[in-house]
All heavy atoms as atom14 arrays in JSON, in Angstrom:
{
  "sequence": "QEADVLSQSEYMREGKLARIKEGRHVFSEILRQREAFCLQDLEITGRD",
  "atom14_mask": [
    [1, 1, 1, 1, 1, 1, 1, 1, 1, 0, 0, 0, 0, 0],
    [1, 1, 1, 1, 1, 1, 1, 1, 1, 0, 0, 0, 0, 0],
    [1, 1, 1, 1, 1, 0, 0, 0, 0, 0, 0, 0, 0, 0],
    [1, 1, 1, 1, 1, 1, 1, 1, 0, 0, 0, 0, 0, 0],
    [1, 1, 1, 1, 1, 1, 1, 0, 0, 0, 0, 0, 0, 0],
    [1, 1, 1, 1, 1, 1, 1, 1, 0, 0, 0, 0, 0, 0],
    [1, 1, 1, 1, 1, 1, 0, 0, 0, 0, 0, 0, 0, 0],
    [1, 1, 1, 1, 1, 1, 1, 1, 1, 0, 0, 0, 0, 0],
    [1, 1, 1, 1, 1, 1, 0, 0, 0, 0, 0, 0, 0, 0],
    [1, 1, 1, 1, 1, 1, 1, 1, 1, 0, 0, 0, 0, 0],
    [1, 1, 1, 1, 1, 1, 1, 1, 1, 1, 1, 1, 0, 0],
    [1, 1, 1, 1, 1, 1, 1, 1, 0, 0, 0, 0, 0, 0],
    [1, 1, 1, 1, 1, 1, 1, 1, 1, 1, 1, 0, 0, 0],
    [1, 1, 1, 1, 1, 1, 1, 1, 1, 0, 0, 0, 0, 0],
    [1, 1, 1, 1, 0, 0, 0, 0, 0, 0, 0, 0, 0, 0],
    [1, 1, 1, 1, 1, 1, 1, 1, 1, 0, 0, 0, 0, 0],
    [1, 1, 1, 1, 1, 1, 1, 1, 0, 0, 0, 0, 0, 0],
    [1, 1, 1, 1, 1, 0, 0, 0, 0, 0, 0, 0, 0, 0],
    [1, 1, 1, 1, 1, 1, 1, 1, 1, 1, 1, 0, 0, 0],
    [1, 1, 1, 1, 1, 1, 1, 1, 0, 0, 0, 0, 0, 0],
    [1, 1, 1, 1, 1, 1, 1, 1, 1, 0, 0, 0, 0, 0],
    [1, 1, 1, 1, 1, 1, 1, 1, 1, 0, 0, 0, 0, 0],
    [1, 1, 1, 1, 0, 0, 0, 0, 0, 0, 0, 0, 0, 0],
    [1, 1, 1, 1, 1, 1, 1, 1, 1, 1, 1, 0, 0, 0],
    [1, 1, 1, 1, 1, 1, 1, 1, 1, 1, 0, 0, 0, 0],
    [1, 1, 1, 1, 1, 1, 1, 0, 0, 0, 0, 0, 0, 0],
    [1, 1, 1, 1, 1, 1, 1, 1, 1, 1, 1, 0, 0, 0],
    [1, 1, 1, 1, 1, 1, 0, 0, 0, 0, 0, 0, 0, 0],
    [1, 1, 1, 1, 1, 1, 1, 1, 1, 0, 0, 0, 0, 0],
    [1, 1, 1, 1, 1, 1, 1, 1, 0, 0, 0, 0, 0, 0],
    [1, 1, 1, 1, 1, 1, 1, 1, 0, 0, 0, 0, 0, 0],
    [1, 1, 1, 1, 1, 1, 1, 1, 1, 1, 1, 0, 0, 0],
    [1, 1, 1, 1, 1, 1, 1, 1, 1, 0, 0, 0, 0, 0],
    [1, 1, 1, 1, 1, 1, 1, 1, 1, 1, 1, 0, 0, 0],
    [1, 1, 1, 1, 1, 1, 1, 1, 1, 0, 0, 0, 0, 0],
    [1, 1, 1, 1, 1, 0, 0, 0, 0, 0, 0, 0, 0, 0],
    [1, 1, 1, 1, 1, 1, 1, 1, 1, 1, 1, 0, 0, 0],
    [1, 1, 1, 1, 1, 1, 0, 0, 0, 0, 0, 0, 0, 0],
    [1, 1, 1, 1, 1, 1, 1, 1, 0, 0, 0, 0, 0, 0],
    [1, 1, 1, 1, 1, 1, 1, 1, 1, 0, 0, 0, 0, 0],
    [1, 1, 1, 1, 1, 1, 1, 1, 0, 0, 0, 0, 0, 0],
    [1, 1, 1, 1, 1, 1, 1, 1, 0, 0, 0, 0, 0, 0],
    [1, 1, 1, 1, 1, 1, 1, 1, 1, 0, 0, 0, 0, 0],
    [1, 1, 1, 1, 1, 1, 1, 1, 0, 0, 0, 0, 0, 0],
    [1, 1, 1, 1, 1, 1, 1, 0, 0, 0, 0, 0, 0, 0],
    [1, 1, 1, 1, 0, 0, 0, 0, 0, 0, 0, 0, 0, 0],
    [1, 1, 1, 1, 1, 1, 1, 1, 1, 1, 1, 0, 0, 0],
    [1, 1, 1, 1, 1, 1, 1, 1, 0, 0, 0, 0, 0, 0]
  ],
  "atom14_positions": [
    [[-3.79, -8.45, 6.32], [-3.1, -9.29, 5.36], [-2.0, -10.07, 6.01], [-1.77, -11.27, 5.73], [-2.52, -8.4, 4.23], [-3.6, -7.85, 3.3], [-3.01, -6.94, 2.21], [-1.91, -6.43, 2.34], [-3.75, -6.77, 1.12], [0.0, 0.0, 0.0], [0.0, 0.0, 0.0], [0.0, 0.0, 0.0], [0.0, 0.0, 0.0], [0.0, 0.0, 0.0]],
    [[-1.27, -9.43, 6.93], [-0.18, -10.17, 7.65], [-0.75, -11.25, 8.55], [-0.28, -12.36, 8.62], [0.64, -9.18, 8.47], [1.85, -9.82, 9.14], [2.74, -8.81, 9.85], [2.57, -7.58, 9.65], [3.57, -9.27, 10.65], [0.0, 0.0, 0.0], [0.0, 0.0, 0.0], [0.0, 0.0, 0.0], [0.0, 0.0, 0.0], [0.0, 0.0, 0.0]],
    [[-1.87, -10.89, 9.25], [-2.53, -11.87, 10.13], [-3.03, -13.07, 9.31], [-2.97, -14.23, 9.72], [-3.67, -11.24, 10.88], [0.0, 0.0, 0.0], [0.0, 0.0, 0.0], [0.0, 0.0, 0.0], [0.0, 0.0, 0.0], [0.0, 0.0, 0.0], [0.0, 0.0, 0.0], [0.0, 0.0, 0.0], [0.0, 0.0, 0.0], [0.0, 0.0, 0.0]],
    [[-3.56, -12.78, 8.11], [-4.06, -13.81, 7.19], [-2.94, -14.76, 6.8], [-3.1, -16.02, 6.89], [-4.63, -13.1, 5.96], [-5.3, -14.08, 4.96], [-5.51, -15.24, 5.33], [-5.58, -13.63, 3.84], [0.0, 0.0, 0.0], [0.0, 0.0, 0.0], [0.0, 0.0, 0.0], [0.0, 0.0, 0.0], [0.0, 0.0, 0.0], [0.0, 0.0, 0.0]],
    [[-1.79, -14.24, 6.4], [-0.68, -15.05, 5.97], [-0.13, -15.93, 7.13], [0.15, -17.08, 6.97], [0.47, -14.19, 5.37], [1.73, -15.0, 5.18], [0.02, -13.55, 4.09], [0.0, 0.0, 0.0], [0.0, 0.0, 0.0], [0.0, 0.0, 0.0], [0.0, 0.0, 0.0], [0.0, 0.0, 0.0], [0.0, 0.0, 0.0], [0.0, 0.0, 0.0]],
    [[-0.04, -15.33, 8.29], [0.52, -16.06, 9.49], [-0.46, -17.15, 9.93], [-0.05, -18.04, 10.73], [0.77, -15.11, 10.6], [1.93, -14.1, 10.38], [2.03, -13.14, 11.53], [3.26, -14.84, 10.24], [0.0, 0.0, 0.0], [0.0, 0.0, 0.0], [0.0, 0.0, 0.0], [0.0, 0.0, 0.0], [0.0, 0.0, 0.0], [0.0, 0.0, 0.0]],
    [[-1.71, -17.12, 9.48], [-2.71, -18.09, 9.85], [-2.87, -19.18, 8.79], [-3.79, -19.99, 8.87], [-4.04, -17.42, 10.16], [-3.89, -16.4, 11.12], [0.0, 0.0, 0.0], [0.0, 0.0, 0.0], [0.0, 0.0, 0.0], [0.0, 0.0, 0.0], [0.0, 0.0, 0.0], [0.0, 0.0, 0.0], [0.0, 0.0, 0.0], [0.0, 0.0, 0.0]],
    [[-2.05, -19.11, 7.73], [-2.09, -20.11, 6.64], [-0.96, -21.13, 6.87], [-0.28, -21.07, 7.89], [-1.89, -19.42, 5.31], [-2.96, -18.41, 4.94], [-2.67, -17.62, 3.68], [-1.62, -17.76, 3.09], [-3.6, -16.78, 3.26], [0.0, 0.0, 0.0], [0.0, 0.0, 0.0], [0.0, 0.0, 0.0], [0.0, 0.0, 0.0], [0.0, 0.0, 0.0]],
    [[-0.78, -21.99, 5.93], [0.32, -22.92, 5.98], [1.63, -22.14, 5.69], [1.58, -20.94, 5.4], [0.2, -24.04, 4.92], [0.34, -23.44, 3.58], [0.0, 0.0, 0.0], [0.0, 0.0, 0.0], [0.0, 0.0, 0.0], [0.0, 0.0, 0.0], [0.0, 0.0, 0.0], [0.0, 0.0, 0.0], [0.0, 0.0, 0.0], [0.0, 0.0, 0.0]],
    [[2.76, -22.76, 5.85], [4.04, -22.08, 5.62], [4.43, -22.0, 4.15], [5.45, -21.44, 3.81], [5.15, -22.79, 6.41], [4.92, -22.71, 7.92], [6.13, -23.23, 8.7], [7.16, -23.53, 8.03], [6.01, -23.39, 9.89], [0.0, 0.0, 0.0], [0.0, 0.0, 0.0], [0.0, 0.0, 0.0], [0.0, 0.0, 0.0], [0.0, 0.0, 0.0]],
    [[3.54, -22.51, 3.27], [3.81, -22.51, 1.84], [3.96, -21.06, 1.34], [3.01, -20.26, 1.46], [2.65, -23.23, 1.12], [2.78, -23.25, -0.39], [3.79, -23.98, -1.03], [1.83, -22.57, -1.15], [3.83, -24.02, -2.41], [1.89, -22.63, -2.55], [2.89, -23.35, -3.2], [2.97, -23.38, -4.54], [0.0, 0.0, 0.0], [0.0, 0.0, 0.0]],
    [[5.11, -20.71, 0.85], [5.41, -19.41, 0.26], [5.24, -18.23, 1.27], [5.08, -17.09, 0.89], [4.52, -19.11, -0.95], [4.78, -20.12, -2.12], [3.64, -19.85, -3.52], [4.26, -18.26, -4.11], [0.0, 0.0, 0.0], [0.0, 0.0, 0.0], [0.0, 0.0, 0.0], [0.0, 0.0, 0.0], [0.0, 0.0, 0.0], [0.0, 0.0, 0.0]],
    [[5.27, -18.6, 2.58], [4.97, -17.57, 3.57], [5.97, -16.4, 3.55], [5.59, -15.24, 3.65], [4.94, -18.18, 4.99], [4.73, -17.18, 6.08], [4.71, -17.79, 7.47], [3.49, -18.61, 7.68], [3.27, -19.26, 8.81], [4.14, -19.26, 9.78], [2.13, -19.95, 8.97], [0.0, 0.0, 0.0], [0.0, 0.0, 0.0], [0.0, 0.0, 0.0]],
    [[7.24, -16.77, 3.41], [8.3, -15.73, 3.47], [8.07, -14.69, 2.39], [8.16, -13.45, 2.63], [9.69, -16.35, 3.3], [10.64, -16.07, 4.43], [11.98, -16.74, 4.25], [12.81, -16.14, 3.53], [12.16, -17.79, 4.81], [0.0, 0.0, 0.0], [0.0, 0.0, 0.0], [0.0, 0.0, 0.0], [0.0, 0.0, 0.0], [0.0, 0.0, 0.0]],
    [[7.8, -15.15, 1.18], [7.57, -14.21, 0.09], [6.32, -13.34, 0.31], [6.3, -12.17, -0.01], [0.0, 0.0, 0.0], [0.0, 0.0, 0.0], [0.0, 0.0, 0.0], [0.0, 0.0, 0.0], [0.0, 0.0, 0.0], [0.0, 0.0, 0.0], [0.0, 0.0, 0.0], [0.0, 0.0, 0.0], [0.0, 0.0, 0.0], [0.0, 0.0, 0.0]],
    [[5.28, -13.96, 0.81], [4.03, -13.21, 1.08], [4.27, -12.1, 2.11], [3.83, -10.97, 1.87], [2.93, -14.16, 1.59], [2.47, -15.22, 0.58], [1.5, -16.13, 1.31], [1.13, -17.34, 0.43], [0.27, -18.32, 1.16], [0.0, 0.0, 0.0], [0.0, 0.0, 0.0], [0.0, 0.0, 0.0], [0.0, 0.0, 0.0], [0.0, 0.0, 0.0]],
    [[4.97, -12.42, 3.17], [5.23, -11.43, 4.23], [6.13, -10.34, 3.69], [5.96, -9.14, 4.06], [5.9, -12.09, 5.42], [4.96, -13.08, 6.2], [5.73, -13.71, 7.33], [3.76, -12.33, 6.79], [0.0, 0.0, 0.0], [0.0, 0.0, 0.0], [0.0, 0.0, 0.0], [0.0, 0.0, 0.0], [0.0, 0.0, 0.0], [0.0, 0.0, 0.0]],
    [[7.1, -10.69, 2.82], [7.99, -9.7, 2.27], [7.21, -8.71, 1.41], [7.49, -7.49, 1.4], [9.1, -10.38, 1.46], [0.0, 0.0, 0.0], [0.0, 0.0, 0.0], [0.0, 0.0, 0.0], [0.0, 0.0, 0.0], [0.0, 0.0, 0.0], [0.0, 0.0, 0.0], [0.0, 0.0, 0.0], [0.0, 0.0, 0.0], [0.0, 0.0, 0.0]],
    [[6.23, -9.21, 0.65], [5.44, -8.31, -0.24], [4.6, -7.36, 0.63], [4.4, -6.21, 0.24], [4.55, -9.14, -1.15], [5.3, -9.8, -2.31], [4.42, -10.19, -3.45], [3.39, -11.12, -3.06], [3.52, -12.43, -2.98], [4.73, -12.98, -3.23], [2.52, -13.22, -2.63], [0.0, 0.0, 0.0], [0.0, 0.0, 0.0], [0.0, 0.0, 0.0]],
    [[4.06, -7.86, 1.71], [3.22, -7.03, 2.58], [4.11, -5.91, 3.21], [3.71, -4.76, 3.27], [2.56, -7.86, 3.7], [1.5, -8.79, 3.11], [1.87, -6.96, 4.74], [1.01, -9.88, 4.05], [0.0, 0.0, 0.0], [0.0, 0.0, 0.0], [0.0, 0.0, 0.0], [0.0, 0.0, 0.0], [0.0, 0.0, 0.0], [0.0, 0.0, 0.0]],
    [[5.28, -6.31, 3.63], [6.22, -5.31, 4.22], [6.58, -4.24, 3.21], [6.59, -3.04, 3.48], [7.45, -6.02, 4.74], [8.46, -5.11, 5.46], [9.64, -5.86, 5.98], [10.64, -4.95, 6.7], [11.79, -5.74, 7.2], [0.0, 0.0, 0.0], [0.0, 0.0, 0.0], [0.0, 0.0, 0.0], [0.0, 0.0, 0.0], [0.0, 0.0, 0.0]],
    [[6.88, -4.68, 2.0], [7.22, -3.78, 0.91], [6.04, -2.85, 0.55], [6.22, -1.67, 0.31], [7.73, -4.53, -0.29], [8.13, -3.64, -1.48], [9.31, -2.73, -1.2], [10.03, -3.0, -0.22], [9.47, -1.75, -1.96], [0.0, 0.0, 0.0], [0.0, 0.0, 0.0], [0.0, 0.0, 0.0], [0.0, 0.0, 0.0], [0.0, 0.0, 0.0]],
    [[4.86, -3.46, 0.54], [3.65, -2.69, 0.23], [3.4, -1.6, 1.27], [3.09, -0.45, 0.91], [0.0, 0.0, 0.0], [0.0, 0.0, 0.0], [0.0, 0.0, 0.0], [0.0, 0.0, 0.0], [0.0, 0.0, 0.0], [0.0, 0.0, 0.0], [0.0, 0.0, 0.0], [0.0, 0.0, 0.0], [0.0, 0.0, 0.0], [0.0, 0.0, 0.0]],
    [[3.6, -1.89, 2.54], [3.49, -0.89, 3.63], [4.46, 0.22, 3.38], [4.13, 1.43, 3.53], [3.69, -1.57, 4.98], [3.49, -0.58, 6.12], [3.8, -1.21, 7.48], [2.66, -1.97, 7.98], [2.68, -3.29, 8.2], [3.76, -3.98, 7.9], [1.64, -3.91, 8.67], [0.0, 0.0, 0.0], [0.0, 0.0, 0.0], [0.0, 0.0, 0.0]],
    [[5.7, -0.1, 2.98], [6.74, 0.9, 2.74], [6.32, 1.76, 1.55], [6.47, 3.0, 1.62], [8.05, 0.22, 2.48], [9.15, 1.16, 2.0], [9.75, 2.07, 2.85], [9.71, 1.32, 0.76], [10.65, 2.77, 2.17], [10.64, 2.35, 0.91], [0.0, 0.0, 0.0], [0.0, 0.0, 0.0], [0.0, 0.0, 0.0], [0.0, 0.0, 0.0]],
    [[5.88, 1.13, 0.47], [5.51, 1.93, -0.71], [4.33, 2.86, -0.44], [4.35, 4.02, -0.87], [5.13, 0.93, -1.89], [4.5, 1.71, -3.05], [6.41, 0.21, -2.36], [0.0, 0.0, 0.0], [0.0, 0.0, 0.0], [0.0, 0.0, 0.0], [0.0, 0.0, 0.0], [0.0, 0.0, 0.0], [0.0, 0.0, 0.0], [0.0, 0.0, 0.0]],
    [[3.36, 2.36, 0.3], [2.23, 3.23, 0.71], [2.72, 4.44, 1.49], [2.28, 5.55, 1.26], [1.2, 2.4, 1.45], [0.08, 3.25, 2.03], [-0.76, 3.97, 1.23], [-0.16, 3.31, 3.41], [-1.76, 4.75, 1.71], [-1.15, 4.08, 3.92], [-1.99, 4.8, 3.08], [0.0, 0.0, 0.0], [0.0, 0.0, 0.0], [0.0, 0.0, 0.0]],
    [[3.61, 4.16, 2.45], [4.18, 5.23, 3.25], [4.86, 6.28, 2.36], [4.74, 7.47, 2.58], [5.17, 4.66, 4.28], [5.63, 5.67, 5.1], [0.0, 0.0, 0.0], [0.0, 0.0, 0.0], [0.0, 0.0, 0.0], [0.0, 0.0, 0.0], [0.0, 0.0, 0.0], [0.0, 0.0, 0.0], [0.0, 0.0, 0.0], [0.0, 0.0, 0.0]],
    [[5.6, 5.78, 1.35], [6.3, 6.68, 0.43], [5.32, 7.49, -0.41], [5.53, 8.71, -0.7], [7.23, 5.89, -0.49], [8.49, 5.45, 0.19], [9.39, 6.65, 0.63], [9.82, 7.4, -0.25], [9.56, 6.81, 1.84], [0.0, 0.0, 0.0], [0.0, 0.0, 0.0], [0.0, 0.0, 0.0], [0.0, 0.0, 0.0], [0.0, 0.0, 0.0]],
    [[4.23, 6.87, -0.81], [3.2, 7.59, -1.6], [2.62, 8.75, -0.77], [2.43, 9.85, -1.27], [2.1, 6.62, -2.02], [2.61, 5.68, -3.15], [0.84, 7.36, -2.52], [1.68, 4.51, -3.49], [0.0, 0.0, 0.0], [0.0, 0.0, 0.0], [0.0, 0.0, 0.0], [0.0, 0.0, 0.0], [0.0, 0.0, 0.0], [0.0, 0.0, 0.0]],
    [[2.39, 8.49, 0.49], [1.89, 9.53, 1.4], [2.93, 10.61, 1.56], [2.66, 11.82, 1.52], [1.51, 8.93, 2.74], [0.29, 8.0, 2.8], [0.06, 7.57, 4.23], [-0.95, 8.64, 2.22], [0.0, 0.0, 0.0], [0.0, 0.0, 0.0], [0.0, 0.0, 0.0], [0.0, 0.0, 0.0], [0.0, 0.0, 0.0], [0.0, 0.0, 0.0]],
    [[4.16, 10.2, 1.83], [5.26, 11.16, 2.11], [5.49, 12.08, 0.9], [5.72, 13.29, 1.05], [6.54, 10.42, 2.43], [7.66, 11.32, 2.93], [8.87, 10.5, 3.26], [9.51, 9.87, 2.13], [10.28, 10.52, 1.26], [10.58, 11.75, 1.43], [10.76, 9.81, 0.22], [0.0, 0.0, 0.0], [0.0, 0.0, 0.0], [0.0, 0.0, 0.0]],
    [[5.38, 11.5, -0.31], [5.65, 12.33, -1.5], [4.36, 12.94, -2.05], [4.38, 13.57, -3.14], [6.29, 11.42, -2.57], [7.69, 10.93, -2.15], [8.39, 10.13, -3.25], [8.05, 10.23, -4.46], [9.35, 9.36, -2.86], [0.0, 0.0, 0.0], [0.0, 0.0, 0.0], [0.0, 0.0, 0.0], [0.0, 0.0, 0.0], [0.0, 0.0, 0.0]],
    [[3.27, 12.81, -1.28], [2.01, 13.41, -1.64], [1.53, 13.13, -3.06], [1.06, 13.97, -3.83], [2.11, 14.96, -1.44], [2.43, 15.41, -0.02], [2.49, 16.9, 0.09], [2.78, 17.32, 1.43], [1.93, 17.43, 2.45], [0.64, 17.16, 2.23], [2.31, 17.79, 3.62], [0.0, 0.0, 0.0], [0.0, 0.0, 0.0], [0.0, 0.0, 0.0]],
    [[1.72, 11.86, -3.43], [1.23, 11.47, -4.77], [-0.31, 11.37, -4.76], [-0.89, 10.93, -3.76], [1.85, 10.11, -5.14], [3.37, 10.19, -5.33], [3.96, 8.8, -5.64], [3.23, 7.9, -5.99], [5.19, 8.69, -5.53], [0.0, 0.0, 0.0], [0.0, 0.0, 0.0], [0.0, 0.0, 0.0], [0.0, 0.0, 0.0], [0.0, 0.0, 0.0]],
    [[-0.91, 11.79, -5.84], [-2.37, 11.85, -5.9], [-2.98, 10.46, -6.03], [-2.54, 9.66, -6.79], [-2.8, 12.7, -7.06], [0.0, 0.0, 0.0], [0.0, 0.0, 0.0], [0.0, 0.0, 0.0], [0.0, 0.0, 0.0], [0.0, 0.0, 0.0], [0.0, 0.0, 0.0], [0.0, 0.0, 0.0], [0.0, 0.0, 0.0], [0.0, 0.0, 0.0]],
    [[-4.04, 10.24, -5.23], [-4.79, 9.0, -5.39], [-6.3, 9.23, -5.16], [-7.08, 8.29, -5.18], [-4.29, 7.93, -4.42], [-4.14, 8.37, -2.98], [-5.27, 8.51, -2.18], [-2.91, 8.69, -2.52], [-5.1, 8.93, -0.88], [-2.73, 9.08, -1.19], [-3.85, 9.24, -0.36], [0.0, 0.0, 0.0], [0.0, 0.0, 0.0], [0.0, 0.0, 0.0]],
    [[-6.73, 10.49, -4.96], [-8.16, 10.77, -4.85], [-8.4, 12.15, -5.51], [-7.48, 12.95, -5.77], [-8.63, 10.75, -3.41], [-7.91, 12.02, -2.36], [0.0, 0.0, 0.0], [0.0, 0.0, 0.0], [0.0, 0.0, 0.0], [0.0, 0.0, 0.0], [0.0, 0.0, 0.0], [0.0, 0.0, 0.0], [0.0, 0.0, 0.0], [0.0, 0.0, 0.0]],
    [[-9.7, 12.48, -5.79], [-10.03, 13.67, -6.52], [-9.55, 14.94, -5.8], [-9.15, 15.93, -6.43], [-11.57, 13.76, -6.7], [-12.18, 12.69, -7.61], [-13.71, 12.84, -7.62], [-11.59, 12.74, -8.98], [0.0, 0.0, 0.0], [0.0, 0.0, 0.0], [0.0, 0.0, 0.0], [0.0, 0.0, 0.0], [0.0, 0.0, 0.0], [0.0, 0.0, 0.0]],
    [[-9.55, 14.91, -4.45], [-9.13, 16.02, -3.66], [-7.65, 16.32, -3.87], [-7.17, 17.46, -3.59], [-9.44, 15.82, -2.21], [-10.89, 15.85, -1.81], [-11.61, 14.59, -2.17], [-11.01, 13.6, -2.54], [-12.93, 14.59, -2.07], [0.0, 0.0, 0.0], [0.0, 0.0, 0.0], [0.0, 0.0, 0.0], [0.0, 0.0, 0.0], [0.0, 0.0, 0.0]],
    [[-6.89, 15.35, -4.35], [-5.44, 15.54, -4.54], [-5.12, 16.23, -5.88], [-3.99, 16.68, -6.08], [-4.69, 14.19, -4.52], [-4.77, 13.5, -3.15], [-4.92, 14.23, -2.14], [-4.74, 12.28, -3.1], [0.0, 0.0, 0.0], [0.0, 0.0, 0.0], [0.0, 0.0, 0.0], [0.0, 0.0, 0.0], [0.0, 0.0, 0.0], [0.0, 0.0, 0.0]],
    [[-6.08, 16.28, -6.77], [-5.82, 16.89, -8.07], [-5.52, 18.38, -7.99], [-6.14, 19.08, -7.18], [-7.04, 16.66, -9.07], [-7.28, 15.24, -9.48], [-8.61, 15.17, -10.29], [-6.12, 14.71, -10.31], [0.0, 0.0, 0.0], [0.0, 0.0, 0.0], [0.0, 0.0, 0.0], [0.0, 0.0, 0.0], [0.0, 0.0, 0.0], [0.0, 0.0, 0.0]],
    [[-4.64, 18.86, -8.84], [-4.31, 20.25, -8.89], [-5.3, 21.03, -9.78], [-4.94, 22.06, -10.38], [-2.89, 20.44, -9.46], [-1.81, 19.88, -8.56], [-1.66, 20.68, -7.25], [-1.88, 21.88, -7.29], [-1.36, 20.04, -6.23], [0.0, 0.0, 0.0], [0.0, 0.0, 0.0], [0.0, 0.0, 0.0], [0.0, 0.0, 0.0], [0.0, 0.0, 0.0]],
    [[-6.52, 20.54, -9.81], [-7.54, 21.17, -10.62], [-8.87, 20.8, -9.95], [-9.03, 19.76, -9.32], [-7.5, 20.71, -12.12], [-8.42, 21.54, -12.97], [-7.87, 19.24, -12.15], [-8.25, 21.2, -14.5], [0.0, 0.0, 0.0], [0.0, 0.0, 0.0], [0.0, 0.0, 0.0], [0.0, 0.0, 0.0], [0.0, 0.0, 0.0], [0.0, 0.0, 0.0]],
    [[-9.92, 21.7, -10.07], [-11.18, 21.47, -9.39], [-12.28, 21.45, -10.4], [-12.16, 21.82, -11.55], [-11.43, 22.57, -8.36], [-11.64, 23.84, -9.06], [-10.27, 22.69, -7.37], [0.0, 0.0, 0.0], [0.0, 0.0, 0.0], [0.0, 0.0, 0.0], [0.0, 0.0, 0.0], [0.0, 0.0, 0.0], [0.0, 0.0, 0.0], [0.0, 0.0, 0.0]],
    [[-13.47, 21.1, -9.92], [-14.67, 21.13, -10.75], [-15.0, 22.55, -11.22], [-15.51, 22.73, -12.32], [0.0, 0.0, 0.0], [0.0, 0.0, 0.0], [0.0, 0.0, 0.0], [0.0, 0.0, 0.0], [0.0, 0.0, 0.0], [0.0, 0.0, 0.0], [0.0, 0.0, 0.0], [0.0, 0.0, 0.0], [0.0, 0.0, 0.0], [0.0, 0.0, 0.0]],
    [[-14.68, 23.53, -10.38], [-14.92, 24.92, -10.71], [-14.06, 25.32, -11.98], [-14.58, 25.98, -12.89], [-14.55, 25.79, -9.55], [-14.69, 27.28, -9.74], [-16.13, 27.7, -9.7], [-16.66, 27.92, -11.03], [-17.93, 28.14, -11.31], [-18.8, 28.19, -10.3], [-18.33, 28.37, -12.54], [0.0, 0.0, 0.0], [0.0, 0.0, 0.0], [0.0, 0.0, 0.0]],
    [[-12.83, 24.8, -11.99], [-11.94, 25.05, -13.15], [-12.59, 24.49, -14.42], [-12.52, 25.07, -15.49], [-10.57, 24.45, -12.92], [-9.84, 25.11, -11.77], [-9.93, 26.33, -11.61], [-9.17, 24.36, -11.06], [0.0, 0.0, 0.0], [0.0, 0.0, 0.0], [0.0, 0.0, 0.0], [0.0, 0.0, 0.0], [0.0, 0.0, 0.0], [0.0, 0.0, 0.0]]
  ]
}
């Protein structure tokens, strides 16, 4: 995504790059806080 933006025109580039940076940070926080995003993350199983 960053490579894509840097290969476009400069139109709105700063905002696009800022969103990518923030997205990377949010994803990192989701991992750090172990927030669920797949079935294996659920506190319940098919057996239950």
